[in-house]
Structure formats: structure tokens, C-alpha cells
Amino acid sequence: MNALKELWVTAYPATEAGIAACAEKLTQGGLVALPTETVYGLAGDATNADAIAAIYATKARPQFNPLICHIADMEMARAIGQFNDMAETLAAAFWPGPLTLVVPRQKDCAIDPLACAGLDTIALRLPAHEVAQQLLRAFGGPLVAPSANPSGRLSPSSAAHVQDMLPDCDVLNGGACAIGLESSIVGCLDETPLWLRAGGLARQDIEACLGRPLSEPPQEEDAAARLAPGRLARHYAPQSPLRLNAEKAEANELLIGFGGDAPSDCFANLSPSGDLAEAAAQLFATLHAADDAAQSRAQGLAIMAIPMHGLGEAINDRLSRAAA
């Protein structure tokens, strides 16, 4: 039997003992779902090819889709990736936080190439969640941690979501995710900053920090998808059909509202006040609950239009891929 399967499945509390037990499991080559401020990630030792392969297998994730490597501090980050001035500026401004930087790998980088999908670049993030930071320090090394869900499905913003979708995985329960959207991803590969994925940090804030606009990635879909996670055409998807930009529910649909004009009988409202940060934090939890209800009633889902400014860009990115 695979050694990973022999380890007991547990929901660990975010206590010193629980974090220590999870660090030991990771040291043994096991996997643990950990909380971050964005979503829960399925973590494994970034230097262990078997653990990384187990992540791909558990998620049924295409191996051309690279993984984000989570680090505890800048010293660890610089030992793994090459930081130009632009990357240093963004890290100083937004780490810890919901920003992933794609940078060239160091020549002696200890991260297993499987985590990078064979590329000479690596995606790095320093999470802001205190429990994630404690686990990284207890483990003492970098962890790859893509979202703790089957590939293409809705991302988990609570431990319960992980247990529902990946019931054979251990979970470190750090409560609900404060941001609820995956990290924004910026490529810092040369002197041109690339906007690789909209996420929990608004594009305008990144551009203001750099004092210049972000450029779009290569037009070829395969090239863009390989540079960063979360760029596959269908991703973050519920099991029920999803209709976008709805004004009201059609027959046999559940409506997810947004703002003060939402119908009073909608299934849920992402933000009655029209607050995009609140909508982002509620997005995946609401989609999980609505999808469960729609599945039980053999219904589809519809969602009202979300403005495109600020975090609305990331919300609409997730919804467009979910509805593809």
C-alpha cells in the first residue's frame, strides 16, 4: 500500500499541537490542507517529488499546470527564485498577502521540477494567514499548495468545503478564509510586468505600486495557461450549469444576487450593499451552498452582474471560467 494512504485522515485544530502534527505529516511526505487568507490549499513538501505527484493525483490536476510554492519569509524566497527590482518592490509592498510572483528559478533551486511543470520559472507566495505562517515555520521549508479541491471545481474557503470535496485528506482548520479568492499573479520575468491572474489583490493597486500598467500575457492559450495556475478555460466550476449577468431567475434556476437591486427571493446575495470585497469573500462559500441546493432540486444557477472594477475583475474571471 502507498505510504501516503497509510496515514490517518484527521481534522486538526489550529493549536500548537495540531500545527506540529501537520508539520510532521508533511515531513513524512504526506499532504495536509491548510488555511490561507485566500482559499484552502492542499500542501505538500515542495522538494519531494512523491508528495508533489500525490497532489496532482489527488486533485486530478493536469501536470502542465504549475503549482504555487508558499514560503515563510524573503530569505526562503530568494533561495528559490531570482528577484529583479520589480519583484522586490512588489514583495516589499504586498507580502505577506494575496499576491503570487512568477520569477525565474535559481540555478540551484531545491524545488522539484514537477512543481514547476518543467518550466524554468517558479510561482512564489508568502501567505498572510497566521496559521499558514505557523505551519510553514514549523515545517521549516517551502510548501506547494494549490487549492484543496478536485481540479476545475469550486475552490474551498472553509475546512468543511475541503472535507466535502476531498474526504480522504487531512485538514488544518483555520476557520473561514478572509479574502475568499485565489491570489493575484504577476509575472516578473524581465522588465515587463505580466498580469497573469486576477485575484485577491486589485490590479489598480499593483499598477499604482509599480507606477506603470501591467501587460497582458502571451495570446497563445497554452503558453498563458502554463505560465500560471488558474488560467484553464473551465475552472472554479460548480456541478450545476451557471448563467451569468442575470437580472432574475428563469424557470428552474436559483439566483445569486448582488447589490441593493437584487430580488428579495434570490437564494443569496453576495453583498446587499454592493461591496466587492464582501462579494469576493462570500463568492465560493455561496457558490458551494447554491450548487448543493441546485443539485438536490435538479436546478441550474444564475448570478447577477458584478461590476468589473477593483476586485470585480477577479470575481468575473472566476465566474466566466465557472460558466464555460
Protein backbone atom coordinates (compact mmCIF):
# COMPACT_ATOMS: atom_id res chain seq x y z
CA MET A 1 0.00 0.00 0.00
CA ASN A 2 1.16 3.56 -0.77
CA ALA A 3 2.71 5.03 2.36
CA LEU A 4 0.64 8.19 1.95
CA LYS A 5 -2.57 6.16 2.20
CA GLU A 6 -1.45 4.55 5.44
CA LEU A 7 -1.51 7.86 7.29
CA TRP A 8 -4.67 8.52 9.27
CA VAL A 9 -7.10 11.15 7.96
CA THR A 10 -7.65 13.86 10.58
CA ALA A 11 -9.18 17.30 11.00
CA TYR A 12 -6.60 19.15 13.10
CA PRO A 13 -7.41 22.21 15.23
CA ALA A 14 -5.19 25.25 14.70
CA THR A 15 -3.38 24.71 18.00
CA GLU A 16 0.33 24.34 18.66
CA ALA A 17 -0.12 20.56 18.87
CA GLY A 18 -2.26 20.44 15.72
CA ILE A 19 0.22 22.52 13.74
CA ALA A 20 3.13 20.37 14.97
CA ALA A 21 1.29 17.19 13.92
CA CYS A 22 0.64 18.62 10.46
CA ALA A 23 4.30 19.66 10.09
CA GLU A 24 5.36 16.11 11.00
CA LYS A 25 2.95 14.64 8.44
CA LEU A 26 4.36 16.94 5.75
CA THR A 27 7.90 15.92 6.74
CA GLN A 28 6.89 12.28 6.22
CA GLY A 29 5.75 13.09 2.67
CA GLY A 30 2.04 13.38 3.46
CA LEU A 31 -0.43 16.03 2.36
CA VAL A 32 -2.35 18.50 4.54
CA ALA A 33 -5.00 21.04 3.54
CA LEU A 34 -4.00 24.33 5.14
CA PRO A 35 -5.87 27.62 5.54
CA THR A 36 -4.70 30.82 3.90
CA GLU A 37 -6.30 34.25 3.64
CA THR A 38 -7.28 33.42 0.02
CA VAL A 39 -8.53 29.79 -0.08
CA TYR A 40 -7.53 26.46 1.50
CA GLY A 41 -4.53 24.87 -0.20
CA LEU A 42 -3.52 21.21 -0.48
CA ALA A 43 0.02 21.39 0.86
CA GLY A 44 2.99 19.10 0.32
CA ASP A 45 6.77 19.31 0.61
CA ALA A 46 7.92 21.37 -2.40
CA THR A 47 11.19 19.42 -2.59
CA ASN A 48 9.57 15.96 -2.52
CA ALA A 49 8.61 14.62 -5.97
CA ASP A 50 6.38 11.90 -4.49
CA ALA A 51 4.41 14.41 -2.43
CA ILE A 52 4.02 16.70 -5.44
CA ALA A 53 2.87 13.79 -7.60
CA ALA A 54 0.35 12.90 -4.89
CA ILE A 55 -1.07 16.44 -5.06
CA TYR A 56 -1.55 16.18 -8.82
CA ALA A 57 -3.14 12.73 -8.42
CA THR A 58 -5.41 13.77 -5.53
CA LYS A 59 -6.69 16.79 -7.45
CA ALA A 60 -6.67 15.03 -10.85
CA ARG A 61 -4.78 18.14 -11.94
CA PRO A 62 -3.05 18.35 -15.34
CA GLN A 63 0.70 18.19 -14.79
CA PHE A 64 1.30 21.05 -17.24
CA ASN A 65 -0.42 23.33 -14.71
CA PRO A 66 2.29 24.65 -12.33
CA LEU A 67 1.88 24.88 -8.55
CA ILE A 68 2.37 27.89 -6.29
CA CYS A 69 5.19 27.50 -3.77
CA HIS A 70 4.42 29.00 -0.36
CA ILE A 71 7.33 30.39 1.62
CA ALA A 72 7.80 31.68 5.17
CA ASP A 73 10.00 34.72 4.51
CA MET A 74 12.05 36.59 1.91
CA GLU A 75 15.20 34.66 2.75
CA MET A 76 13.46 31.46 1.71
CA ALA A 77 12.01 33.16 -1.37
CA ARG A 78 15.38 34.45 -2.61
CA ALA A 79 16.93 31.00 -2.20
CA ILE A 80 14.32 29.65 -4.64
CA GLY A 81 13.68 32.44 -7.15
CA GLN A 82 15.54 35.31 -8.81
CA PHE A 83 14.04 38.66 -7.79
CA ASN A 84 14.55 41.66 -10.06
CA ASP A 85 13.84 45.21 -8.83
CA MET A 86 10.18 44.95 -9.83
CA ALA A 87 9.70 41.69 -7.90
CA GLU A 88 11.46 43.14 -4.85
CA THR A 89 9.20 46.20 -4.96
CA LEU A 90 6.02 44.12 -5.13
CA ALA A 91 7.16 41.73 -2.41
CA ALA A 92 8.03 44.63 -0.10
CA ALA A 93 4.64 46.24 -0.70
CA PHE A 94 2.28 43.25 -0.65
CA TRP A 95 3.88 40.32 1.19
CA PRO A 96 2.58 38.72 3.30
CA GLY A 97 -0.62 38.82 1.26
CA PRO A 98 -2.71 37.61 -1.69
CA LEU A 99 -0.07 38.16 -4.39
CA THR A 100 1.89 35.45 -6.20
CA LEU A 101 5.05 36.39 -8.12
CA VAL A 102 6.29 34.29 -11.03
CA VAL A 103 10.08 34.67 -11.24
CA PRO A 104 12.99 32.73 -12.79
CA ARG A 105 14.15 29.74 -10.73
CA GLN A 106 17.53 29.92 -9.04
CA LYS A 107 20.01 27.59 -10.74
CA ASP A 108 20.43 25.59 -7.52
CA CYS A 109 16.73 25.77 -6.63
CA ALA A 110 15.72 22.87 -4.36
CA ILE A 111 12.09 22.84 -5.54
CA ASP A 112 11.32 19.68 -7.50
CA PRO A 113 10.84 20.48 -11.22
CA LEU A 114 7.48 18.68 -11.20
CA ALA A 115 6.04 21.56 -9.16
CA CYS A 116 7.03 23.97 -11.94
CA ALA A 117 5.56 21.85 -14.75
CA GLY A 118 9.00 21.64 -16.35
CA LEU A 119 9.36 25.43 -16.66
CA ASP A 120 12.42 27.46 -15.67
CA THR A 121 10.14 29.78 -13.69
CA ILE A 122 8.53 29.39 -10.28
CA ALA A 123 5.42 30.87 -8.66
CA LEU A 124 6.01 32.12 -5.09
CA ARG A 125 3.72 33.48 -2.38
CA LEU A 126 4.09 34.47 1.27
CA PRO A 127 0.62 33.97 2.79
CA ALA A 128 -0.75 36.39 5.38
CA HIS A 129 -2.78 33.81 7.34
CA GLU A 130 -1.18 33.34 10.76
CA VAL A 131 -1.92 29.59 10.85
CA ALA A 132 -0.31 29.10 7.44
CA GLN A 133 2.74 31.07 8.61
CA GLN A 134 2.99 28.97 11.76
CA LEU A 135 2.83 25.76 9.74
CA LEU A 136 5.49 26.98 7.30
CA ARG A 137 7.80 27.87 10.20
CA ALA A 138 7.14 24.56 11.95
CA PHE A 139 7.81 22.62 8.74
CA GLY A 140 10.93 24.66 8.05
CA GLY A 141 10.75 24.72 4.27
CA PRO A 142 8.66 25.66 1.23
CA LEU A 143 5.28 24.04 0.58
CA VAL A 144 3.43 23.77 -2.70
CA ALA A 145 -0.27 24.28 -2.04
CA PRO A 146 -2.75 24.55 -4.91
CA SER A 147 -6.41 24.92 -3.94
CA ALA A 148 -7.64 21.90 -1.94
CA ASN A 149 -10.30 20.75 -4.39
CA PRO A 150 -10.63 18.45 -7.40
CA SER A 151 -9.18 20.22 -10.44
CA GLY A 152 -11.70 22.52 -12.08
CA ARG A 153 -14.15 22.51 -9.16
CA LEU A 154 -15.10 25.35 -6.86
CA SER A 155 -12.28 26.46 -4.58
CA PRO A 156 -12.66 25.81 -0.83
CA SER A 157 -12.95 28.76 1.53
CA SER A 158 -13.56 26.65 4.66
CA ALA A 159 -12.36 23.36 6.13
CA ALA A 160 -15.85 21.92 5.57
CA HIS A 161 -15.52 22.53 1.82
CA VAL A 162 -12.26 20.57 1.79
CA GLN A 163 -13.77 17.68 3.74
CA ASP A 164 -16.74 17.59 1.36
CA MET A 165 -14.68 17.53 -1.84
CA LEU A 166 -11.52 15.70 -0.66
CA PRO A 167 -12.76 13.47 2.19
CA ASP A 168 -9.52 11.45 2.28
CA CYS A 169 -7.33 14.49 3.02
CA ASP A 170 -6.18 15.81 6.38
CA VAL A 171 -7.24 19.38 7.14
CA LEU A 172 -5.75 22.01 9.42
CA ASN A 173 -8.84 24.02 10.39
CA GLY A 174 -8.05 27.71 10.49
CA GLY A 175 -11.61 28.96 10.02
CA ALA A 176 -13.15 30.72 7.04
CA CYS A 177 -10.82 32.42 4.55
CA ALA A 178 -10.95 36.21 4.91
CA ILE A 179 -10.48 37.07 1.22
CA GLY A 180 -12.07 34.04 -0.39
CA LEU A 181 -10.44 34.46 -3.83
CA GLU A 182 -7.16 32.97 -5.00
CA SER A 183 -4.12 35.22 -5.11
CA SER A 184 -3.44 37.64 -7.94
CA ILE A 185 -0.46 36.53 -10.05
CA VAL A 186 2.13 38.85 -11.61
CA GLY A 187 4.99 37.68 -13.82
CA CYS A 188 8.35 39.35 -13.08
CA LEU A 189 10.46 37.59 -15.72
CA ASP A 190 12.04 40.63 -17.38
CA GLU A 191 11.36 44.37 -17.34
CA THR A 192 7.70 43.93 -18.37
CA PRO A 193 5.29 43.01 -15.55
CA LEU A 194 2.70 40.46 -16.71
CA TRP A 195 -0.88 40.29 -15.38
CA LEU A 196 -1.27 36.51 -15.22
CA ARG A 197 -4.31 36.09 -12.96
CA ALA A 198 -6.80 38.44 -11.35
CA GLY A 199 -7.26 37.63 -7.67
CA GLY A 200 -7.47 38.94 -4.14
CA LEU A 201 -5.28 42.00 -4.82
CA ALA A 202 -6.73 44.53 -7.26
CA ARG A 203 -4.87 45.28 -10.48
CA GLN A 204 -5.07 49.02 -9.81
CA ASP A 205 -3.21 48.65 -6.51
CA ILE A 206 -0.39 46.70 -8.17
CA GLU A 207 -0.10 49.20 -11.02
CA ALA A 208 -0.06 52.10 -8.55
CA CYS A 209 2.80 50.43 -6.66
CA LEU A 210 4.83 49.91 -9.83
CA GLY A 211 3.92 53.24 -11.37
CA ARG A 212 3.17 51.56 -14.69
CA PRO A 213 0.48 49.37 -16.28
CA LEU A 214 0.60 45.58 -16.22
CA SER A 215 0.89 43.87 -19.59
CA GLU A 216 -1.26 41.00 -20.79
CA PRO A 217 0.32 37.51 -21.12
CA PRO A 218 1.05 35.78 -24.45
CA GLN A 219 -2.01 35.40 -26.64
CA GLU A 220 -1.47 31.67 -27.14
CA GLU A 221 -3.79 29.97 -24.61
CA ASP A 222 -1.39 27.08 -23.96
CA ALA A 223 1.51 29.44 -23.25
CA ALA A 224 -0.60 31.59 -20.93
CA ALA A 225 -2.04 28.59 -19.12
CA ARG A 226 1.43 27.17 -18.48
CA LEU A 227 2.82 30.39 -17.01
CA ALA A 228 0.44 30.46 -14.04
CA PRO A 229 -2.25 28.39 -12.32
CA GLY A 230 -5.93 29.10 -12.78
CA ARG A 231 -5.85 30.00 -16.48
CA LEU A 232 -7.61 26.93 -17.89
CA ALA A 233 -10.76 27.83 -19.84
CA ARG A 234 -13.06 25.90 -17.48
CA HIS A 235 -12.07 26.25 -13.85
CA TYR A 236 -13.61 27.04 -10.44
CA ALA A 237 -16.80 25.34 -11.64
CA PRO A 238 -19.93 24.21 -9.78
CA GLN A 239 -21.57 20.97 -10.86
CA SER A 240 -24.76 22.82 -11.86
CA PRO A 241 -24.98 24.95 -15.03
CA LEU A 242 -24.25 28.60 -14.32
CA ARG A 243 -25.77 31.58 -16.20
CA LEU A 244 -24.05 34.95 -15.88
CA ASN A 245 -25.32 38.54 -15.81
CA ALA A 246 -28.85 37.52 -14.89
CA GLU A 247 -31.49 40.07 -13.90
CA LYS A 248 -33.81 37.46 -12.43
CA ALA A 249 -34.08 33.69 -12.15
CA GLU A 250 -35.57 31.83 -15.09
CA ALA A 251 -37.69 28.73 -14.60
CA ASN A 252 -35.80 26.04 -12.74
CA GLU A 253 -32.92 28.31 -11.62
CA LEU A 254 -31.58 29.56 -8.30
CA LEU A 255 -30.49 33.20 -8.41
CA ILE A 256 -27.42 34.59 -6.64
CA GLY A 257 -27.84 38.32 -6.20
CA PHE A 258 -25.54 41.30 -5.84
CA GLY A 259 -26.36 44.77 -4.55
CA GLY A 260 -29.48 46.51 -3.37
CA ASP A 261 -31.49 45.79 -6.53
CA ALA A 262 -31.37 42.00 -6.11
CA PRO A 263 -34.80 40.34 -5.97
CA SER A 264 -35.93 39.60 -2.44
CA ASP A 265 -36.43 35.92 -3.25
CA CYS A 266 -32.89 35.27 -4.55
CA PHE A 267 -31.10 32.29 -2.99
CA ALA A 268 -28.35 34.52 -1.55
CA ASN A 269 -26.88 37.99 -2.05
CA LEU A 270 -23.09 38.25 -2.31
CA SER A 271 -23.27 41.79 -0.91
CA PRO A 272 -26.55 43.67 -0.35
CA SER A 273 -24.55 46.90 -0.12
CA GLY A 274 -22.63 46.24 -3.35
CA ASP A 275 -19.27 45.87 -1.56
CA LEU A 276 -16.90 43.97 -3.87
CA ALA A 277 -14.59 42.87 -1.05
CA GLU A 278 -17.58 41.34 0.75
CA ALA A 279 -18.72 39.71 -2.50
CA ALA A 280 -15.26 38.24 -3.08
CA ALA A 281 -15.12 36.81 0.44
CA GLN A 282 -18.57 35.26 0.04
CA LEU A 283 -18.21 34.02 -3.57
CA PHE A 284 -17.04 30.43 -3.18
CA ALA A 285 -18.99 29.74 0.02
CA THR A 286 -22.16 30.99 -1.69
CA LEU A 287 -21.50 29.00 -4.86
CA HIS A 288 -20.89 25.84 -2.80
CA ALA A 289 -24.19 26.27 -0.92
CA ALA A 290 -26.16 27.22 -4.04
CA ASP A 291 -24.69 24.33 -6.01
CA ASP A 292 -25.68 21.85 -3.28
CA ALA A 293 -29.22 23.24 -3.26
CA ALA A 294 -29.48 23.26 -7.05
CA GLN A 295 -28.18 19.69 -7.28
CA SER A 296 -30.77 18.49 -4.78
CA ARG A 297 -33.55 20.15 -6.80
CA ALA A 298 -32.18 19.40 -10.31
CA GLN A 299 -31.91 23.14 -10.98
CA GLY A 300 -29.40 25.45 -12.59
CA LEU A 301 -27.73 28.56 -11.19
CA ALA A 302 -27.87 32.18 -12.29
CA ILE A 303 -25.90 35.11 -10.92
CA MET A 304 -26.41 38.83 -11.29
CA ALA A 305 -23.86 41.07 -13.00
CA ILE A 306 -20.80 42.07 -10.97
CA PRO A 307 -19.02 45.38 -11.74
CA MET A 308 -15.61 44.99 -13.40
CA HIS A 309 -13.63 47.48 -11.28
CA GLY A 310 -11.41 46.56 -8.30
CA LEU A 311 -11.93 43.00 -7.08
CA GLY A 312 -14.79 42.69 -9.56
CA GLU A 313 -12.24 41.78 -12.23
CA ALA A 314 -11.19 38.71 -10.24
CA ILE A 315 -14.78 37.76 -9.39
CA ASN A 316 -15.80 37.96 -13.06
CA ASP A 317 -12.74 35.96 -14.08
CA ARG A 318 -13.79 33.13 -11.74
CA LEU A 319 -17.41 33.29 -12.89
CA SER A 320 -16.57 33.27 -16.60
CA ARG A 321 -14.39 30.17 -16.17
CA ALA A 322 -17.03 28.53 -13.95
CA ALA A 323 -19.67 29.06 -16.62
CA ALA A 324 -17.50 27.99 -19.60
